[in-house]
């Protein structure tokens, strides 16, 4: 499938484009990204992970720092956690 990101940078860029400011604020305010497991996390798994080449998913998992377990849940969780950090960094940059 086209447009499946291969790196966390590509994932974050796509999420930046597709999510509304309201969605991004909800992510930033969340106490635990598990809140998004069955919404955005499921979308990530269904769209970017399932049906993707195993090597691509493994490479993405390693890019996210997940060396041992790279099942779909682990990868989507790591992406969600990483994306929240990404949004925090962007928020800090825009406040300066």
PDB file of N, CA and C in Angstrom:
ATOM      1  N   UNK A   1       0.855  -1.189   0.000  1.00  0.00           N
ATOM      2  CA  UNK A   1       0.000   0.000   0.000  1.00  0.00           C
ATOM      3  C   UNK A   1       0.892   1.241   0.000  1.00  0.00           C
ATOM      4  N   UNK A   2       0.504   2.224  -0.767  1.00  0.00           N
ATOM      5  CA  UNK A   2       1.257   3.466  -0.850  1.00  0.00           C
ATOM      6  C   UNK A   2       1.139   4.264   0.443  1.00  0.00           C
ATOM      7  N   UNK A   3       2.112   5.144   0.648  1.00  0.00           N
ATOM      8  CA  UNK A   3       2.122   6.091   1.756  1.00  0.00           C
ATOM      9  C   UNK A   3       2.234   5.458   3.135  1.00  0.00           C
ATOM     10  N   UNK A   4       2.659   4.200   3.210  1.00  0.00           N
ATOM     11  CA  UNK A   4       2.907   3.625   4.527  1.00  0.00           C
ATOM     12  C   UNK A   4       4.269   4.124   4.986  1.00  0.00           C
ATOM     13  N   UNK A   5       4.311   4.791   6.112  1.00  0.00           N
ATOM     14  CA  UNK A   5       5.586   5.333   6.585  1.00  0.00           C
ATOM     15  C   UNK A   5       6.558   4.216   6.958  1.00  0.00           C
ATOM     16  N   UNK A   6       7.827   4.496   6.735  1.00  0.00           N
ATOM     17  CA  UNK A   6       8.868   3.511   7.017  1.00  0.00           C
ATOM     18  C   UNK A   6       9.708   3.889   8.238  1.00  0.00           C
ATOM     19  N   UNK A   7       9.593   5.143   8.673  1.00  0.00           N
ATOM     20  CA  UNK A   7      10.348   5.625   9.824  1.00  0.00           C
ATOM     21  C   UNK A   7       9.405   6.369  10.765  1.00  0.00           C
ATOM     22  N   UNK A   8       9.866   6.566  11.994  1.00  0.00           N
ATOM     23  CA  UNK A   8       9.034   7.319  12.925  1.00  0.00           C
ATOM     24  C   UNK A   8       8.864   8.760  12.447  1.00  0.00           C
ATOM     25  N   UNK A   9       9.878   9.319  11.819  1.00  0.00           N
ATOM     26  CA  UNK A   9       9.773  10.684  11.296  1.00  0.00           C
ATOM     27  C   UNK A   9       8.651  10.775  10.261  1.00  0.00           C
ATOM     28  N   UNK A  10       8.565   9.790   9.379  1.00  0.00           N
ATOM     29  CA  UNK A  10       7.490   9.765   8.384  1.00  0.00           C
ATOM     30  C   UNK A  10       6.129   9.573   9.052  1.00  0.00           C
ATOM     31  N   UNK A  11       6.073   8.725  10.084  1.00  0.00           N
ATOM     32  CA  UNK A  11       4.820   8.515  10.826  1.00  0.00           C
ATOM     33  C   UNK A  11       4.354   9.819  11.449  1.00  0.00           C
ATOM     34  N   UNK A  12       5.262  10.498  12.133  1.00  0.00           N
ATOM     35  CA  UNK A  12       4.900  11.733  12.814  1.00  0.00           C
ATOM     36  C   UNK A  12       4.473  12.806  11.813  1.00  0.00           C
ATOM     37  N   UNK A  13       5.135  12.887  10.671  1.00  0.00           N
ATOM     38  CA  UNK A  13       4.767  13.868   9.642  1.00  0.00           C
ATOM     39  C   UNK A  13       3.350  13.600   9.135  1.00  0.00           C
ATOM     40  N   UNK A  14       3.026  12.327   8.907  1.00  0.00           N
ATOM     41  CA  UNK A  14       1.672  12.001   8.436  1.00  0.00           C
ATOM     42  C   UNK A  14       0.626  12.305   9.506  1.00  0.00           C
ATOM     43  N   UNK A  15       0.949  11.978  10.755  1.00  0.00           N
ATOM     44  CA  UNK A  15       0.011  12.279  11.840  1.00  0.00           C
ATOM     45  C   UNK A  15      -0.174  13.786  11.995  1.00  0.00           C
ATOM     46  N   UNK A  16       0.918  14.553  11.861  1.00  0.00           N
ATOM     47  CA  UNK A  16       0.820  16.014  11.935  1.00  0.00           C
ATOM     48  C   UNK A  16      -0.157  16.554  10.903  1.00  0.00           C
ATOM     49  N   UNK A  17      -0.119  15.988   9.715  1.00  0.00           N
ATOM     50  CA  UNK A  17      -0.993  16.456   8.634  1.00  0.00           C
ATOM     51  C   UNK A  17      -2.450  16.035   8.824  1.00  0.00           C
ATOM     52  N   UNK A  18      -2.661  14.819   9.300  1.00  0.00           N
ATOM     53  CA  UNK A  18      -4.026  14.297   9.333  1.00  0.00           C
ATOM     54  C   UNK A  18      -4.807  14.645  10.591  1.00  0.00           C
ATOM     55  N   UNK A  19      -4.142  14.866  11.708  1.00  0.00           N
ATOM     56  CA  UNK A  19      -4.852  15.134  12.960  1.00  0.00           C
ATOM     57  C   UNK A  19      -5.178  16.618  13.103  1.00  0.00           C
ATOM     58  N   UNK A  20      -6.330  16.874  13.662  1.00  0.00           N
ATOM     59  CA  UNK A  20      -6.743  18.254  13.913  1.00  0.00           C
ATOM     60  C   UNK A  20      -6.002  18.795  15.135  1.00  0.00           C
ATOM     61  N   UNK A  21      -6.053  20.104  15.302  1.00  0.00           N
ATOM     62  CA  UNK A  21      -5.434  20.715  16.485  1.00  0.00           C
ATOM     63  C   UNK A  21      -6.110  20.197  17.755  1.00  0.00           C
ATOM     64  N   UNK A  22      -7.409  19.965  17.686  1.00  0.00           N
ATOM     65  CA  UNK A  22      -8.149  19.417  18.827  1.00  0.00           C
ATOM     66  C   UNK A  22      -7.634  18.018  19.184  1.00  0.00           C
ATOM     67  N   UNK A  23      -7.406  17.191  18.170  1.00  0.00           N
ATOM     68  CA  UNK A  23      -6.865  15.845  18.397  1.00  0.00           C
ATOM     69  C   UNK A  23      -5.483  15.923  19.048  1.00  0.00           C
ATOM     70  N   UNK A  24      -4.657  16.821  18.550  1.00  0.00           N
ATOM     71  CA  UNK A  24      -3.297  16.970  19.083  1.00  0.00           C
ATOM     72  C   UNK A  24      -3.336  17.438  20.537  1.00  0.00           C
ATOM     73  N   UNK A  25      -4.245  18.353  20.853  1.00  0.00           N
ATOM     74  CA  UNK A  25      -4.382  18.818  22.237  1.00  0.00           C
ATOM     75  C   UNK A  25      -4.834  17.680  23.144  1.00  0.00           C
ATOM     76  N   UNK A  26      -5.735  16.840  22.655  1.00  0.00           N
ATOM     77  CA  UNK A  26      -6.193  15.689  23.448  1.00  0.00           C
ATOM     78  C   UNK A  26      -5.042  14.742  23.733  1.00  0.00           C
ATOM     79  N   UNK A  27      -4.192  14.540  22.762  1.00  0.00           N
ATOM     80  CA  UNK A  27      -3.024  13.673  22.953  1.00  0.00           C
ATOM     81  C   UNK A  27      -2.093  14.284  23.984  1.00  0.00           C
ATOM     82  N   UNK A  28      -1.831  15.568  23.862  1.00  0.00           N
ATOM     83  CA  UNK A  28      -0.940  16.242  24.816  1.00  0.00           C
ATOM     84  C   UNK A  28      -1.486  16.217  26.238  1.00  0.00           C
ATOM     85  N   UNK A  29      -2.804  16.313  26.391  1.00  0.00           N
ATOM     86  CA  UNK A  29      -3.427  16.340  27.713  1.00  0.00           C
ATOM     87  C   UNK A  29      -3.620  14.949  28.311  1.00  0.00           C
ATOM     88  N   UNK A  30      -3.510  13.913  27.504  1.00  0.00           N
ATOM     89  CA  UNK A  30      -3.779  12.563  28.008  1.00  0.00           C
ATOM     90  C   UNK A  30      -2.742  12.153  29.048  1.00  0.00           C
ATOM     91  N   UNK A  31      -3.217  11.444  30.050  1.00  0.00           N
ATOM     92  CA  UNK A  31      -2.311  10.946  31.087  1.00  0.00           C
ATOM     93  C   UNK A  31      -1.634   9.658  30.651  1.00  0.00           C
ATOM     94  N   UNK A  32      -2.324   8.891  29.837  1.00  0.00           N
ATOM     95  CA  UNK A  32      -1.794   7.608  29.370  1.00  0.00           C
ATOM     96  C   UNK A  32      -2.266   7.379  27.946  1.00  0.00           C
ATOM     97  N   UNK A  33      -1.355   7.073  27.067  1.00  0.00           N
ATOM     98  CA  UNK A  33      -1.698   6.911  25.657  1.00  0.00           C
ATOM     99  C   UNK A  33      -2.545   5.667  25.399  1.00  0.00           C
ATOM    100  N   UNK A  34      -2.759   4.842  26.415  1.00  0.00           N
ATOM    101  CA  UNK A  34      -3.634   3.681  26.263  1.00  0.00           C
ATOM    102  C   UNK A  34      -5.050   4.142  25.910  1.00  0.00           C
ATOM    103  N   UNK A  35      -5.374   5.386  26.246  1.00  0.00           N
ATOM    104  CA  UNK A  35      -6.680   5.957  25.902  1.00  0.00           C
ATOM    105  C   UNK A  35      -6.937   5.878  24.394  1.00  0.00           C
ATOM    106  N   UNK A  36      -5.885   5.848  23.614  1.00  0.00           N
ATOM    107  CA  UNK A  36      -5.996   5.878  22.157  1.00  0.00           C
ATOM    108  C   UNK A  36      -5.782   4.509  21.513  1.00  0.00           C
ATOM    109  N   UNK A  37      -5.689   3.465  22.334  1.00  0.00           N
ATOM    110  CA  UNK A  37      -5.397   2.123  21.823  1.00  0.00           C
ATOM    111  C   UNK A  37      -6.447   1.643  20.815  1.00  0.00           C
ATOM    112  N   UNK A  38      -7.713   1.883  21.106  1.00  0.00           N
ATOM    113  CA  UNK A  38      -8.786   1.389  20.230  1.00  0.00           C
ATOM    114  C   UNK A  38      -9.291   2.449  19.249  1.00  0.00           C
ATOM    115  N   UNK A  39      -8.628   3.591  19.185  1.00  0.00           N
ATOM    116  CA  UNK A  39      -9.019   4.624  18.222  1.00  0.00           C
ATOM    117  C   UNK A  39      -7.845   4.868  17.281  1.00  0.00           C
ATOM    118  N   UNK A  40      -7.010   5.833  17.595  1.00  0.00           N
ATOM    119  CA  UNK A  40      -5.858   6.135  16.741  1.00  0.00           C
ATOM    120  C   UNK A  40      -4.898   4.950  16.669  1.00  0.00           C
ATOM    121  N   UNK A  41      -4.703   4.265  17.773  1.00  0.00           N
ATOM    122  CA  UNK A  41      -3.827   3.091  17.775  1.00  0.00           C
ATOM    123  C   UNK A  41      -4.333   2.005  16.827  1.00  0.00           C
ATOM    124  N   UNK A  42      -5.636   1.786  16.835  1.00  0.00           N
ATOM    125  CA  UNK A  42      -6.207   0.787  15.934  1.00  0.00           C
ATOM    126  C   UNK A  42      -6.054   1.222  14.479  1.00  0.00           C
ATOM    127  N   UNK A  43      -6.244   2.500  14.223  1.00  0.00           N
ATOM    128  CA  UNK A  43      -6.063   3.013  12.869  1.00  0.00           C
ATOM    129  C   UNK A  43      -4.615   2.789  12.407  1.00  0.00           C
ATOM    130  N   UNK A  44      -3.665   3.065  13.293  1.00  0.00           N
ATOM    131  CA  UNK A  44      -2.247   2.849  12.963  1.00  0.00           C
ATOM    132  C   UNK A  44      -2.003   1.379  12.637  1.00  0.00           C
ATOM    133  N   UNK A  45      -2.520   0.494  13.478  1.00  0.00           N
ATOM    134  CA  UNK A  45      -2.313  -0.940  13.241  1.00  0.00           C
ATOM    135  C   UNK A  45      -2.947  -1.375  11.925  1.00  0.00           C
ATOM    136  N   UNK A  46      -4.189  -0.972  11.706  1.00  0.00           N
ATOM    137  CA  UNK A  46      -4.904  -1.408  10.505  1.00  0.00           C
ATOM    138  C   UNK A  46      -4.349  -0.795   9.224  1.00  0.00           C
ATOM    139  N   UNK A  47      -3.877   0.426   9.292  1.00  0.00           N
ATOM    140  CA  UNK A  47      -3.445   1.142   8.098  1.00  0.00           C
ATOM    141  C   UNK A  47      -1.953   0.997   7.819  1.00  0.00           C
ATOM    142  N   UNK A  48      -1.136   1.075   8.839  1.00  0.00           N
ATOM    143  CA  UNK A  48       0.311   1.095   8.636  1.00  0.00           C
ATOM    144  C   UNK A  48       1.009  -0.219   8.939  1.00  0.00           C
ATOM    145  N   UNK A  49       0.428  -1.041   9.808  1.00  0.00           N
ATOM    146  CA  UNK A  49       1.163  -2.224  10.269  1.00  0.00           C
ATOM    147  C   UNK A  49       0.648  -3.500   9.623  1.00  0.00           C
ATOM    148  N   UNK A  50      -0.631  -3.804   9.802  1.00  0.00           N
ATOM    149  CA  UNK A  50      -1.161  -5.039   9.233  1.00  0.00           C
ATOM    150  C   UNK A  50      -1.074  -4.989   7.706  1.00  0.00           C
ATOM    151  N   UNK A  51      -0.640  -6.066   7.120  1.00  0.00           N
ATOM    152  CA  UNK A  51      -0.510  -6.132   5.673  1.00  0.00           C
ATOM    153  C   UNK A  51       0.786  -5.547   5.154  1.00  0.00           C
ATOM    154  N   UNK A  52       1.592  -5.002   6.028  1.00  0.00           N
ATOM    155  CA  UNK A  52       2.884  -4.461   5.632  1.00  0.00           C
ATOM    156  C   UNK A  52       3.913  -5.590   5.657  1.00  0.00           C
ATOM    157  N   UNK A  53       4.963  -5.437   4.927  1.00  0.00           N
ATOM    158  CA  UNK A  53       6.032  -6.434   4.925  1.00  0.00           C
ATOM    159  C   UNK A  53       6.629  -6.547   6.322  1.00  0.00           C
ATOM    160  N   UNK A  54       6.872  -7.762   6.748  1.00  0.00           N
ATOM    161  CA  UNK A  54       7.403  -8.008   8.092  1.00  0.00           C
ATOM    162  C   UNK A  54       8.700  -7.233   8.335  1.00  0.00           C
ATOM    163  N   UNK A  55       9.549  -7.168   7.335  1.00  0.00           N
ATOM    164  CA  UNK A  55      10.831  -6.470   7.485  1.00  0.00           C
ATOM    165  C   UNK A  55      10.613  -4.969   7.711  1.00  0.00           C
ATOM    166  N   UNK A  56       9.606  -4.403   7.049  1.00  0.00           N
ATOM    167  CA  UNK A  56       9.322  -2.978   7.229  1.00  0.00           C
ATOM    168  C   UNK A  56       8.820  -2.694   8.641  1.00  0.00           C
ATOM    169  N   UNK A  57       7.957  -3.554   9.135  1.00  0.00           N
ATOM    170  CA  UNK A  57       7.430  -3.366  10.491  1.00  0.00           C
ATOM    171  C   UNK A  57       8.556  -3.524  11.507  1.00  0.00           C
ATOM    172  N   UNK A  58       9.413  -4.502  11.298  1.00  0.00           N
ATOM    173  CA  UNK A  58      10.551  -4.708  12.198  1.00  0.00           C
ATOM    174  C   UNK A  58      11.483  -3.494  12.166  1.00  0.00           C
ATOM    175  N   UNK A  59      11.748  -2.950  10.993  1.00  0.00           N
ATOM    176  CA  UNK A  59      12.608  -1.769  10.870  1.00  0.00           C
ATOM    177  C   UNK A  59      11.982  -0.565  11.565  1.00  0.00           C
ATOM    178  N   UNK A  60      10.667  -0.390  11.399  1.00  0.00           N
ATOM    179  CA  UNK A  60       9.971   0.707  12.070  1.00  0.00           C
ATOM    180  C   UNK A  60      10.040   0.519  13.574  1.00  0.00           C
ATOM    181  N   UNK A  61       9.824  -0.693  14.049  1.00  0.00           N
ATOM    182  CA  UNK A  61       9.892  -0.973  15.486  1.00  0.00           C
ATOM    183  C   UNK A  61      11.273  -0.641  16.031  1.00  0.00           C
ATOM    184  N   UNK A  62      12.311  -1.010  15.308  1.00  0.00           N
ATOM    185  CA  UNK A  62      13.678  -0.710  15.760  1.00  0.00           C
ATOM    186  C   UNK A  62      13.926   0.791  15.761  1.00  0.00           C
ATOM    187  N   UNK A  63      13.386   1.499  14.768  1.00  0.00           N
ATOM    188  CA  UNK A  63      13.509   2.958  14.717  1.00  0.00           C
ATOM    189  C   UNK A  63      12.842   3.584  15.934  1.00  0.00           C
ATOM    190  N   UNK A  64      11.828   2.936  16.457  1.00  0.00           N
ATOM    191  CA  UNK A  64      11.116   3.417  17.644  1.00  0.00           C
ATOM    192  C   UNK A  64      11.760   2.936  18.943  1.00  0.00           C
ATOM    193  N   UNK A  65      12.815   2.140  18.845  1.00  0.00           N
ATOM    194  CA  UNK A  65      13.507   1.652  20.025  1.00  0.00           C
ATOM    195  C   UNK A  65      12.952   0.361  20.575  1.00  0.00           C
ATOM    196  N   UNK A  66      12.148  -0.344  19.797  1.00  0.00           N
ATOM    197  CA  UNK A  66      11.564  -1.613  20.219  1.00  0.00           C
ATOM    198  C   UNK A  66      12.343  -2.744  19.560  1.00  0.00           C
ATOM    199  N   UNK A  67      13.417  -3.187  20.208  1.00  0.00           N
ATOM    200  CA  UNK A  67      14.286  -4.193  19.606  1.00  0.00           C
ATOM    201  C   UNK A  67      13.804  -5.626  19.782  1.00  0.00           C
ATOM    202  N   UNK A  68      13.104  -5.908  20.853  1.00  0.00           N
ATOM    203  CA  UNK A  68      12.760  -7.297  21.154  1.00  0.00           C
ATOM    204  C   UNK A  68      11.385  -7.670  20.630  1.00  0.00           C
ATOM    205  N   UNK A  69      10.372  -6.951  21.028  1.00  0.00           N
ATOM    206  CA  UNK A  69       9.005  -7.272  20.621  1.00  0.00           C
ATOM    207  C   UNK A  69       8.537  -6.247  19.597  1.00  0.00           C
ATOM    208  N   UNK A  70       8.074  -6.720  18.478  1.00  0.00           N
ATOM    209  CA  UNK A  70       7.605  -5.784  17.460  1.00  0.00           C
ATOM    210  C   UNK A  70       6.264  -6.216  16.893  1.00  0.00           C
ATOM    211  N   UNK A  71       5.411  -6.753  17.758  1.00  0.00           N
ATOM    212  CA  UNK A  71       4.061  -7.077  17.319  1.00  0.00           C
ATOM    213  C   UNK A  71       3.301  -5.770  17.104  1.00  0.00           C
ATOM    214  N   UNK A  72       2.170  -5.851  16.473  1.00  0.00           N
ATOM    215  CA  UNK A  72       1.411  -4.658  16.087  1.00  0.00           C
ATOM    216  C   UNK A  72       1.068  -3.768  17.278  1.00  0.00           C
ATOM    217  N   UNK A  73       0.667  -4.350  18.390  1.00  0.00           N
ATOM    218  CA  UNK A  73       0.326  -3.545  19.568  1.00  0.00           C
ATOM    219  C   UNK A  73       1.539  -2.789  20.096  1.00  0.00           C
ATOM    220  N   UNK A  74       2.683  -3.454  20.147  1.00  0.00           N
ATOM    221  CA  UNK A  74       3.899  -2.819  20.646  1.00  0.00           C
ATOM    222  C   UNK A  74       4.315  -1.661  19.747  1.00  0.00           C
ATOM    223  N   UNK A  75       4.257  -1.890  18.450  1.00  0.00           N
ATOM    224  CA  UNK A  75       4.652  -0.841  17.503  1.00  0.00           C
ATOM    225  C   UNK A  75       3.691   0.344  17.582  1.00  0.00           C
ATOM    226  N   UNK A  76       2.390   0.086  17.611  1.00  0.00           N
ATOM    227  CA  UNK A  76       1.441   1.201  17.667  1.00  0.00           C
ATOM    228  C   UNK A  76       1.560   1.956  18.989  1.00  0.00           C
ATOM    229  N   UNK A  77       1.804   1.251  20.080  1.00  0.00           N
ATOM    230  CA  UNK A  77       1.988   1.901  21.378  1.00  0.00           C
ATOM    231  C   UNK A  77       3.236   2.771  21.365  1.00  0.00           C
ATOM    232  N   UNK A  78       4.324   2.247  20.825  1.00  0.00           N
ATOM    233  CA  UNK A  78       5.563   3.023  20.732  1.00  0.00           C
ATOM    234  C   UNK A  78       5.372   4.248  19.849  1.00  0.00           C
ATOM    235  N   UNK A  79       4.612   4.093  18.765  1.00  0.00           N
ATOM    236  CA  UNK A  79       4.327   5.243  17.895  1.00  0.00           C
ATOM    237  C   UNK A  79       3.518   6.299  18.625  1.00  0.00           C
ATOM    238  N   UNK A  80       2.501   5.875  19.360  1.00  0.00           N
ATOM    239  CA  UNK A  80       1.672   6.826  20.106  1.00  0.00           C
ATOM    240  C   UNK A  80       2.498   7.556  21.171  1.00  0.00           C
ATOM    241  N   UNK A  81       3.307   6.811  21.905  1.00  0.00           N
ATOM    242  CA  UNK A  81       4.157   7.436  22.923  1.00  0.00           C
ATOM    243  C   UNK A  81       5.147   8.403  22.286  1.00  0.00           C
ATOM    244  N   UNK A  82       5.758   7.984  21.191  1.00  0.00           N
ATOM    245  CA  UNK A  82       6.706   8.840  20.488  1.00  0.00           C
ATOM    246  C   UNK A  82       6.051  10.073  19.912  1.00  0.00           C
ATOM    247  N   UNK A  83       4.830   9.911  19.405  1.00  0.00           N
ATOM    248  CA  UNK A  83       4.128  11.048  18.831  1.00  0.00           C
ATOM    249  C   UNK A  83       3.796  12.085  19.904  1.00  0.00           C
ATOM    250  N   UNK A  84       3.439  11.632  21.083  1.00  0.00           N
ATOM    251  CA  UNK A  84       3.161  12.577  22.169  1.00  0.00           C
ATOM    252  C   UNK A  84       4.428  13.367  22.504  1.00  0.00           C
ATOM    253  N   UNK A  85       5.567  12.705  22.556  1.00  0.00           N
ATOM    254  CA  UNK A  85       6.838  13.405  22.803  1.00  0.00           C
ATOM    255  C   UNK A  85       7.123  14.398  21.678  1.00  0.00           C
ATOM    256  N   UNK A  86       6.858  13.975  20.451  1.00  0.00           N
ATOM    257  CA  UNK A  86       7.044  14.838  19.285  1.00  0.00           C
ATOM    258  C   UNK A  86       6.187  16.101  19.423  1.00  0.00           C
ATOM    259  N   UNK A  87       4.930  15.947  19.815  1.00  0.00           N
ATOM    260  CA  UNK A  87       4.053  17.102  19.991  1.00  0.00           C
ATOM    261  C   UNK A  87       4.542  18.013  21.112  1.00  0.00           C
ATOM    262  N   UNK A  88       5.056  17.436  22.179  1.00  0.00           N
ATOM    263  CA  UNK A  88       5.604  18.251  23.279  1.00  0.00           C
ATOM    264  C   UNK A  88       6.769  19.093  22.782  1.00  0.00           C
ATOM    265  N   UNK A  89       7.644  18.493  21.991  1.00  0.00           N
ATOM    266  CA  UNK A  89       8.795  19.230  21.453  1.00  0.00           C
ATOM    267  C   UNK A  89       8.331  20.359  20.547  1.00  0.00           C
ATOM    268  N   UNK A  90       7.353  20.080  19.680  1.00  0.00           N
ATOM    269  CA  UNK A  90       6.823  21.130  18.809  1.00  0.00           C
ATOM    270  C   UNK A  90       6.198  22.241  19.633  1.00  0.00           C
ATOM    271  N   UNK A  91       5.503  21.875  20.696  1.00  0.00           N
ATOM    272  CA  UNK A  91       4.857  22.853  21.557  1.00  0.00           C
ATOM    273  C   UNK A  91       5.901  23.761  22.214  1.00  0.00           C
ATOM    274  N   UNK A  92       7.001  23.181  22.653  1.00  0.00           N
ATOM    275  CA  UNK A  92       8.068  23.966  23.269  1.00  0.00           C
ATOM    276  C   UNK A  92       8.693  24.915  22.256  1.00  0.00           C
ATOM    277  N   UNK A  93       8.862  24.457  21.027  1.00  0.00           N
ATOM    278  CA  UNK A  93       9.470  25.294  19.988  1.00  0.00           C
ATOM    279  C   UNK A  93       8.592  26.492  19.636  1.00  0.00           C
ATOM    280  N   UNK A  94       7.284  26.274  19.619  1.00  0.00           N
ATOM    281  CA  UNK A  94       6.383  27.361  19.239  1.00  0.00           C
ATOM    282  C   UNK A  94       6.184  28.380  20.360  1.00  0.00           C
ATOM    283  N   UNK A  95       6.495  27.980  21.603  1.00  0.00           N
ATOM    284  CA  UNK A  95       6.344  28.900  22.736  1.00  0.00           C
ATOM    285  C   UNK A  95       7.545  29.830  22.877  1.00  0.00           C
ATOM    286  N   UNK A  96       8.657  29.490  22.243  1.00  0.00           N
ATOM    287  CA  UNK A  96       9.864  30.307  22.364  1.00  0.00           C
ATOM    288  C   UNK A  96       9.763  31.553  21.534  1.00  0.00           C
TER     289      UNK A  96
END
